[in-house]
Amino acid sequence: MKAAKAKKIQKKGWKVGSAQDFLGLSDEEAEFIEMKVRLSRKLKELRKKNQLSQTEMADVLGSSQSRIAKMESGDPSVSVDLLMKGMLALGASRKDIAKVLGSSQKAA
């Protein structure tokens, strides 16, 4: 949020903070969530690059379309290992995964 907008909101009595502040997350918890979100986004990108529907990808992984949708949306019930397994099944290398995990860009 831009500083001017934050000041305007604060003047009206609202508190400005991050999702981390609101949820009371530690730095480690917030970073873990950001990493999962980056993995989820990359998984969706790879699926589309491979021109697969969610149903087709589910067949590749022996899963369901709804599970793929949860994987791509960053659902908290999806494990990091399942996200990585999906990426590897779509042709990502260890280096590709490391690049996603090492990315410092924040998820929007």
N, C-alpha and C. Protein backbone atom coordinates (compact mmCIF):
# COMPACT_ATOMS: atom_id res chain seq x y z
N MET A 1 0.85 -1.17 0.00
CA MET A 1 0.00 0.00 0.00
C MET A 1 0.90 1.24 0.00
N LYS A 2 0.49 2.22 -0.75
CA LYS A 2 1.26 3.46 -0.81
C LYS A 2 1.14 4.22 0.50
N ALA A 3 2.22 4.93 0.83
CA ALA A 3 2.29 5.64 2.12
C ALA A 3 1.17 6.66 2.26
N ALA A 4 0.85 7.36 1.19
CA ALA A 4 -0.20 8.39 1.25
C ALA A 4 -1.55 7.76 1.58
N LYS A 5 -1.82 6.63 0.96
CA LYS A 5 -3.10 5.95 1.21
C LYS A 5 -3.14 5.43 2.65
N ALA A 6 -2.02 4.89 3.13
CA ALA A 6 -1.95 4.38 4.50
C ALA A 6 -2.22 5.51 5.50
N LYS A 7 -1.62 6.68 5.26
CA LYS A 7 -1.83 7.82 6.16
C LYS A 7 -3.30 8.25 6.17
N LYS A 8 -3.90 8.26 4.99
CA LYS A 8 -5.31 8.66 4.87
C LYS A 8 -6.20 7.70 5.65
N ILE A 9 -5.93 6.43 5.55
CA ILE A 9 -6.70 5.42 6.26
C ILE A 9 -6.50 5.54 7.76
N GLN A 10 -5.25 5.76 8.17
CA GLN A 10 -4.95 5.90 9.60
C GLN A 10 -5.61 7.14 10.19
N LYS A 11 -5.68 8.21 9.42
CA LYS A 11 -6.35 9.43 9.88
C LYS A 11 -7.81 9.18 10.22
N LYS A 12 -8.41 8.23 9.52
CA LYS A 12 -9.83 7.91 9.74
C LYS A 12 -10.01 6.90 10.88
N GLY A 13 -8.89 6.55 11.55
CA GLY A 13 -8.98 5.69 12.71
C GLY A 13 -8.72 4.21 12.46
N TRP A 14 -8.37 3.86 11.24
CA TRP A 14 -8.10 2.47 10.92
C TRP A 14 -6.64 2.14 11.19
N LYS A 15 -6.39 0.89 11.50
CA LYS A 15 -5.03 0.42 11.72
C LYS A 15 -4.53 -0.21 10.42
N VAL A 16 -3.31 0.11 10.05
CA VAL A 16 -2.71 -0.43 8.83
C VAL A 16 -1.64 -1.43 9.23
N GLY A 17 -1.69 -2.61 8.63
CA GLY A 17 -0.70 -3.63 8.93
C GLY A 17 -0.68 -4.69 7.83
N SER A 18 0.10 -5.70 8.05
CA SER A 18 0.22 -6.78 7.07
C SER A 18 -0.64 -7.96 7.49
N ALA A 19 -0.78 -8.91 6.59
CA ALA A 19 -1.49 -10.15 6.91
C ALA A 19 -0.76 -10.87 8.03
N GLN A 20 0.56 -10.79 8.01
CA GLN A 20 1.37 -11.42 9.06
C GLN A 20 1.01 -10.83 10.42
N ASP A 21 0.89 -9.51 10.50
CA ASP A 21 0.52 -8.85 11.75
C ASP A 21 -0.88 -9.26 12.19
N PHE A 22 -1.82 -9.24 11.24
CA PHE A 22 -3.22 -9.53 11.53
C PHE A 22 -3.38 -10.96 12.05
N LEU A 23 -2.66 -11.89 11.44
CA LEU A 23 -2.78 -13.30 11.83
C LEU A 23 -1.84 -13.70 12.96
N GLY A 24 -0.94 -12.81 13.33
CA GLY A 24 0.00 -13.10 14.41
C GLY A 24 1.00 -14.18 14.03
N LEU A 25 1.45 -14.15 12.79
CA LEU A 25 2.40 -15.15 12.32
C LEU A 25 3.83 -14.76 12.63
N SER A 26 4.64 -15.75 12.93
CA SER A 26 6.07 -15.49 13.11
C SER A 26 6.67 -15.26 11.72
N ASP A 27 7.89 -14.76 11.67
CA ASP A 27 8.57 -14.56 10.39
C ASP A 27 8.70 -15.89 9.65
N GLU A 28 8.98 -16.94 10.38
CA GLU A 28 9.15 -18.27 9.77
C GLU A 28 7.84 -18.77 9.17
N GLU A 29 6.75 -18.59 9.90
CA GLU A 29 5.44 -19.02 9.40
C GLU A 29 5.04 -18.24 8.15
N ALA A 30 5.27 -16.94 8.18
CA ALA A 30 4.93 -16.11 7.03
C ALA A 30 5.76 -16.50 5.81
N GLU A 31 7.04 -16.77 6.00
CA GLU A 31 7.90 -17.16 4.88
C GLU A 31 7.48 -18.52 4.33
N PHE A 32 7.12 -19.45 5.20
CA PHE A 32 6.67 -20.77 4.75
C PHE A 32 5.42 -20.64 3.87
N ILE A 33 4.50 -19.81 4.29
CA ILE A 33 3.28 -19.58 3.50
C ILE A 33 3.63 -18.97 2.15
N GLU A 34 4.53 -18.00 2.14
CA GLU A 34 4.95 -17.38 0.88
C GLU A 34 5.59 -18.41 -0.05
N MET A 35 6.38 -19.31 0.51
CA MET A 35 7.01 -20.35 -0.31
C MET A 35 5.95 -21.28 -0.92
N LYS A 36 4.97 -21.66 -0.13
CA LYS A 36 3.90 -22.52 -0.65
C LYS A 36 3.11 -21.83 -1.76
N VAL A 37 2.86 -20.55 -1.57
CA VAL A 37 2.13 -19.80 -2.59
C VAL A 37 2.94 -19.73 -3.88
N ARG A 38 4.25 -19.49 -3.77
CA ARG A 38 5.10 -19.46 -4.97
C ARG A 38 5.12 -20.81 -5.67
N LEU A 39 5.18 -21.90 -4.90
CA LEU A 39 5.14 -23.24 -5.49
C LEU A 39 3.80 -23.47 -6.20
N SER A 40 2.72 -23.06 -5.58
CA SER A 40 1.39 -23.23 -6.17
C SER A 40 1.26 -22.49 -7.49
N ARG A 41 1.74 -21.26 -7.50
CA ARG A 41 1.67 -20.46 -8.74
C ARG A 41 2.52 -21.06 -9.85
N LYS A 42 3.70 -21.55 -9.48
CA LYS A 42 4.58 -22.16 -10.48
C LYS A 42 3.97 -23.45 -11.02
N LEU A 43 3.32 -24.22 -10.16
CA LEU A 43 2.66 -25.44 -10.58
C LEU A 43 1.60 -25.13 -11.64
N LYS A 44 0.80 -24.13 -11.39
CA LYS A 44 -0.24 -23.73 -12.35
C LYS A 44 0.39 -23.28 -13.66
N GLU A 45 1.45 -22.50 -13.55
CA GLU A 45 2.17 -22.02 -14.74
C GLU A 45 2.69 -23.21 -15.57
N LEU A 46 3.28 -24.18 -14.90
CA LEU A 46 3.81 -25.36 -15.59
C LEU A 46 2.69 -26.18 -16.24
N ARG A 47 1.57 -26.32 -15.54
CA ARG A 47 0.45 -27.07 -16.11
C ARG A 47 -0.04 -26.42 -17.39
N LYS A 48 -0.18 -25.10 -17.35
CA LYS A 48 -0.64 -24.38 -18.54
C LYS A 48 0.39 -24.45 -19.66
N LYS A 49 1.66 -24.35 -19.30
CA LYS A 49 2.74 -24.43 -20.30
C LYS A 49 2.71 -25.79 -21.00
N ASN A 50 2.38 -26.83 -20.25
CA ASN A 50 2.28 -28.18 -20.81
C ASN A 50 0.92 -28.42 -21.48
N GLN A 51 0.09 -27.40 -21.49
CA GLN A 51 -1.23 -27.45 -22.12
C GLN A 51 -2.09 -28.59 -21.59
N LEU A 52 -2.10 -28.72 -20.28
CA LEU A 52 -2.90 -29.73 -19.62
C LEU A 52 -4.05 -29.08 -18.87
N SER A 53 -5.19 -29.73 -18.88
CA SER A 53 -6.29 -29.28 -18.03
C SER A 53 -6.02 -29.81 -16.62
N GLN A 54 -6.77 -29.32 -15.67
CA GLN A 54 -6.61 -29.83 -14.30
C GLN A 54 -6.96 -31.31 -14.24
N THR A 55 -7.94 -31.72 -15.02
CA THR A 55 -8.33 -33.13 -15.06
C THR A 55 -7.22 -34.00 -15.63
N GLU A 56 -6.59 -33.53 -16.70
CA GLU A 56 -5.48 -34.28 -17.29
C GLU A 56 -4.30 -34.37 -16.32
N MET A 57 -4.03 -33.30 -15.63
CA MET A 57 -2.93 -33.33 -14.66
C MET A 57 -3.26 -34.26 -13.50
N ALA A 58 -4.52 -34.28 -13.10
CA ALA A 58 -4.95 -35.19 -12.04
C ALA A 58 -4.70 -36.63 -12.45
N ASP A 59 -4.94 -36.96 -13.70
CA ASP A 59 -4.68 -38.32 -14.20
C ASP A 59 -3.19 -38.65 -14.10
N VAL A 60 -2.35 -37.68 -14.45
CA VAL A 60 -0.89 -37.88 -14.38
C VAL A 60 -0.46 -38.18 -12.95
N LEU A 61 -1.05 -37.46 -11.99
CA LEU A 61 -0.66 -37.61 -10.58
C LEU A 61 -1.46 -38.68 -9.84
N GLY A 62 -2.46 -39.26 -10.52
CA GLY A 62 -3.30 -40.23 -9.83
C GLY A 62 -4.13 -39.57 -8.75
N SER A 63 -4.65 -38.38 -9.06
CA SER A 63 -5.40 -37.59 -8.09
C SER A 63 -6.72 -37.16 -8.72
N SER A 64 -7.34 -36.15 -8.14
CA SER A 64 -8.61 -35.64 -8.66
C SER A 64 -8.44 -34.19 -9.14
N GLN A 65 -9.36 -33.76 -9.98
CA GLN A 65 -9.32 -32.38 -10.49
C GLN A 65 -9.46 -31.40 -9.33
N SER A 66 -10.31 -31.72 -8.37
CA SER A 66 -10.51 -30.80 -7.25
C SER A 66 -9.23 -30.66 -6.41
N ARG A 67 -8.46 -31.73 -6.32
CA ARG A 67 -7.20 -31.67 -5.58
C ARG A 67 -6.20 -30.77 -6.31
N ILE A 68 -6.17 -30.88 -7.66
CA ILE A 68 -5.29 -30.02 -8.45
C ILE A 68 -5.68 -28.56 -8.26
N ALA A 69 -6.98 -28.29 -8.25
CA ALA A 69 -7.46 -26.92 -8.03
C ALA A 69 -6.98 -26.41 -6.67
N LYS A 70 -7.05 -27.26 -5.65
CA LYS A 70 -6.57 -26.87 -4.32
C LYS A 70 -5.07 -26.63 -4.34
N MET A 71 -4.34 -27.47 -5.06
CA MET A 71 -2.89 -27.30 -5.16
C MET A 71 -2.56 -25.94 -5.78
N GLU A 72 -3.28 -25.59 -6.83
CA GLU A 72 -2.99 -24.35 -7.55
C GLU A 72 -3.46 -23.10 -6.81
N SER A 73 -4.40 -23.26 -5.91
CA SER A 73 -4.93 -22.10 -5.19
C SER A 73 -4.24 -21.87 -3.86
N GLY A 74 -3.27 -22.74 -3.52
CA GLY A 74 -2.54 -22.56 -2.27
C GLY A 74 -3.33 -23.00 -1.05
N ASP A 75 -4.25 -23.91 -1.21
CA ASP A 75 -5.05 -24.41 -0.09
C ASP A 75 -4.12 -24.94 1.01
N PRO A 76 -4.38 -24.58 2.26
CA PRO A 76 -3.49 -25.00 3.35
C PRO A 76 -3.46 -26.51 3.57
N SER A 77 -4.44 -27.25 3.06
CA SER A 77 -4.44 -28.70 3.24
C SER A 77 -3.46 -29.41 2.31
N VAL A 78 -2.91 -28.67 1.35
CA VAL A 78 -1.96 -29.26 0.39
C VAL A 78 -0.55 -29.18 0.96
N SER A 79 0.15 -30.30 0.93
CA SER A 79 1.50 -30.35 1.46
C SER A 79 2.53 -29.85 0.44
N VAL A 80 3.66 -29.41 0.95
CA VAL A 80 4.75 -28.96 0.09
C VAL A 80 5.24 -30.12 -0.77
N ASP A 81 5.28 -31.33 -0.20
CA ASP A 81 5.77 -32.46 -0.99
C ASP A 81 4.85 -32.77 -2.16
N LEU A 82 3.55 -32.59 -2.00
CA LEU A 82 2.63 -32.81 -3.12
C LEU A 82 2.83 -31.75 -4.20
N LEU A 83 3.07 -30.51 -3.79
CA LEU A 83 3.33 -29.45 -4.76
C LEU A 83 4.60 -29.77 -5.56
N MET A 84 5.64 -30.21 -4.85
CA MET A 84 6.90 -30.55 -5.53
C MET A 84 6.72 -31.77 -6.44
N LYS A 85 5.99 -32.75 -5.98
CA LYS A 85 5.73 -33.94 -6.80
C LYS A 85 5.02 -33.53 -8.09
N GLY A 86 4.06 -32.64 -7.97
CA GLY A 86 3.34 -32.15 -9.15
C GLY A 86 4.26 -31.42 -10.11
N MET A 87 5.12 -30.58 -9.57
CA MET A 87 6.06 -29.84 -10.41
C MET A 87 7.02 -30.77 -11.13
N LEU A 88 7.53 -31.76 -10.41
CA LEU A 88 8.45 -32.73 -11.01
C LEU A 88 7.75 -33.53 -12.11
N ALA A 89 6.48 -33.88 -11.88
CA ALA A 89 5.71 -34.62 -12.88
C ALA A 89 5.51 -33.79 -14.14
N LEU A 90 5.54 -32.48 -14.01
CA LEU A 90 5.36 -31.59 -15.16
C LEU A 90 6.68 -31.19 -15.80
N GLY A 91 7.77 -31.78 -15.32
CA GLY A 91 9.06 -31.56 -15.96
C GLY A 91 9.99 -30.57 -15.27
N ALA A 92 9.60 -30.07 -14.12
CA ALA A 92 10.48 -29.14 -13.40
C ALA A 92 11.68 -29.92 -12.86
N SER A 93 12.81 -29.26 -12.83
CA SER A 93 14.02 -29.86 -12.27
C SER A 93 14.19 -29.39 -10.82
N ARG A 94 15.13 -30.00 -10.12
CA ARG A 94 15.45 -29.55 -8.76
C ARG A 94 15.86 -28.08 -8.78
N LYS A 95 16.59 -27.72 -9.81
CA LYS A 95 17.06 -26.34 -9.95
C LYS A 95 15.87 -25.38 -10.12
N ASP A 96 14.87 -25.81 -10.90
CA ASP A 96 13.67 -24.99 -11.10
C ASP A 96 12.95 -24.77 -9.77
N ILE A 97 12.83 -25.84 -9.00
CA ILE A 97 12.14 -25.74 -7.70
C ILE A 97 12.94 -24.87 -6.74
N ALA A 98 14.24 -25.04 -6.74
CA ALA A 98 15.09 -24.22 -5.88
C ALA A 98 14.96 -22.74 -6.24
N LYS A 99 14.85 -22.46 -7.53
CA LYS A 99 14.70 -21.08 -7.98
C LYS A 99 13.39 -20.49 -7.46
N VAL A 100 12.32 -21.27 -7.51
CA VAL A 100 11.03 -20.81 -6.99
C VAL A 100 11.12 -20.56 -5.49
N LEU A 101 11.71 -21.51 -4.77
CA LEU A 101 11.82 -21.38 -3.31
C LEU A 101 12.75 -20.24 -2.91
N GLY A 102 13.76 -19.99 -3.72
CA GLY A 102 14.73 -18.94 -3.41
C GLY A 102 14.29 -17.56 -3.81
N SER A 103 13.20 -17.48 -4.53
CA SER A 103 12.68 -16.20 -4.98
C SER A 103 12.32 -15.32 -3.79
N SER A 104 12.70 -14.06 -3.87
CA SER A 104 12.39 -13.16 -2.75
C SER A 104 11.14 -12.34 -3.00
N GLN A 105 10.50 -12.53 -4.15
CA GLN A 105 9.32 -11.73 -4.45
C GLN A 105 8.14 -12.21 -3.62
N LYS A 106 7.42 -11.26 -3.08
CA LYS A 106 6.27 -11.56 -2.24
C LYS A 106 5.07 -11.93 -3.12
N ALA A 107 4.29 -12.84 -2.61
CA ALA A 107 3.07 -13.23 -3.33
C ALA A 107 2.05 -12.13 -3.15
N ALA A 108 1.31 -11.87 -4.20
CA ALA A 108 0.30 -10.80 -4.13
C ALA A 108 -0.98 -11.31 -3.55
